[in-house]
Amino acid sequence: MSKRTGLIRVKSDEFIRARVLKGLSQRELAQVVDYSVGYVSQLERGISHPSPQAAQQFCNALDKPFDALFYLDDVYKSEHYQMGATSDAT
């Protein structure tokens, strides 16, 4: 049985910055990874969540590691809540 890890979420500002620094428009990035420009736009706005395969393609195209562009929803929440619990106890 596989473990559920949650949604892959985009770090929008970092994703856009990586694309711009690479010198790519949304349309050009879409062509490189073979997705629609609409999908790239939705990712950048946080409307869509990439599959693991799509996330890897974007990482390769933008020469960035996964954690520079994306995060796992459940991991982020658990770290956030742990930090909040720690600061509340002080």
Protein backbone atom coordinates (compact mmCIF):
# COMPACT_ATOMS: atom_id res chain seq x y z
CA MET A 1 0.00 0.00 0.00
CA SER A 2 1.42 3.42 -0.95
CA LYS A 3 1.57 6.39 1.37
CA ARG A 4 -0.37 9.55 0.41
CA THR A 5 1.96 12.55 0.28
CA GLY A 6 -0.46 15.34 -0.65
CA LEU A 7 -0.62 17.78 -3.51
CA ILE A 8 2.42 19.22 -5.17
CA ARG A 9 2.12 22.98 -4.88
CA VAL A 10 4.04 25.60 -6.83
CA LYS A 11 6.14 28.28 -5.15
CA SER A 12 4.73 30.82 -7.59
CA ASP A 13 7.23 33.65 -7.08
CA GLU A 14 10.22 31.29 -7.34
CA PHE A 15 8.75 29.52 -10.37
CA ILE A 16 8.17 32.79 -12.23
CA ARG A 17 11.61 34.11 -11.22
CA ALA A 18 13.29 30.92 -12.49
CA ARG A 19 11.42 31.15 -15.80
CA VAL A 20 12.28 34.82 -16.30
CA LEU A 21 15.94 34.33 -15.33
CA LYS A 22 16.10 31.49 -17.85
CA GLY A 23 14.85 34.00 -20.45
CA LEU A 24 11.65 32.13 -21.22
CA SER A 25 8.14 33.41 -21.75
CA GLN A 26 5.26 31.25 -20.58
CA ARG A 27 4.74 30.19 -24.19
CA GLU A 28 8.41 29.22 -24.64
CA LEU A 29 8.46 27.23 -21.39
CA ALA A 30 5.26 25.48 -22.44
CA GLN A 31 6.89 24.47 -25.73
CA VAL A 32 10.02 23.17 -23.96
CA VAL A 33 8.04 20.91 -21.61
CA ASP A 34 5.27 20.10 -24.14
CA TYR A 35 2.38 21.49 -22.06
CA SER A 36 -0.06 24.23 -22.96
CA VAL A 37 0.65 27.88 -22.18
CA GLY A 38 -2.63 27.85 -20.25
CA TYR A 39 -1.30 25.09 -17.99
CA VAL A 40 1.91 27.05 -17.31
CA SER A 41 -0.18 30.11 -16.48
CA GLN A 42 -2.40 28.10 -14.13
CA LEU A 43 0.64 26.69 -12.36
CA GLU A 44 2.12 30.14 -11.89
CA ARG A 45 -1.17 31.38 -10.42
CA GLY A 46 -1.52 28.35 -8.12
CA ILE A 47 -4.70 27.15 -9.82
CA SER A 48 -3.29 23.82 -11.04
CA HIS A 49 -1.07 21.31 -9.26
CA PRO A 50 1.48 19.37 -11.29
CA SER A 51 1.88 15.62 -11.31
CA PRO A 52 5.28 14.36 -10.14
CA GLN A 53 6.25 13.83 -13.78
CA ALA A 54 5.23 17.35 -14.81
CA ALA A 55 7.06 18.86 -11.82
CA GLN A 56 10.22 16.98 -12.84
CA GLN A 57 9.93 18.25 -16.42
CA PHE A 58 9.65 21.85 -15.20
CA CYS A 59 12.62 21.35 -12.85
CA ASN A 60 14.70 20.02 -15.74
CA ALA A 61 13.65 22.83 -18.08
CA LEU A 62 14.39 25.53 -15.50
CA ASP A 63 17.55 23.86 -14.10
CA LYS A 64 16.20 23.95 -10.55
CA PRO A 65 15.76 21.27 -7.87
CA PHE A 66 12.25 20.27 -6.85
CA ASP A 67 12.30 22.12 -3.55
CA ALA A 68 13.28 25.39 -5.25
CA LEU A 69 10.04 25.44 -7.26
CA PHE A 70 7.58 23.18 -5.46
CA TYR A 71 6.54 21.83 -2.07
CA LEU A 72 4.35 19.01 -0.85
CA ASP A 73 1.20 20.32 0.78
CA ASP A 74 1.17 17.88 3.73
CA VAL A 75 4.87 18.44 4.49
CA TYR A 76 4.46 22.22 4.47
CA LYS A 77 1.42 22.08 6.74
CA SER A 78 3.04 19.77 9.27
CA GLU A 79 6.18 21.95 9.47
CA HIS A 80 4.03 25.07 9.76
CA TYR A 81 1.90 23.64 12.55
CA GLN A 82 4.95 22.33 14.43
CA MET A 83 6.52 25.79 14.31
CA GLY A 84 3.27 27.36 15.50
CA ALA A 85 2.96 24.89 18.36
CA THR A 86 6.55 25.62 19.42
CA SER A 87 6.09 29.39 19.42
CA ASP A 88 2.77 29.13 21.29
CA ALA A 89 4.42 27.20 24.10
CA THR A 90 6.93 29.97 24.72
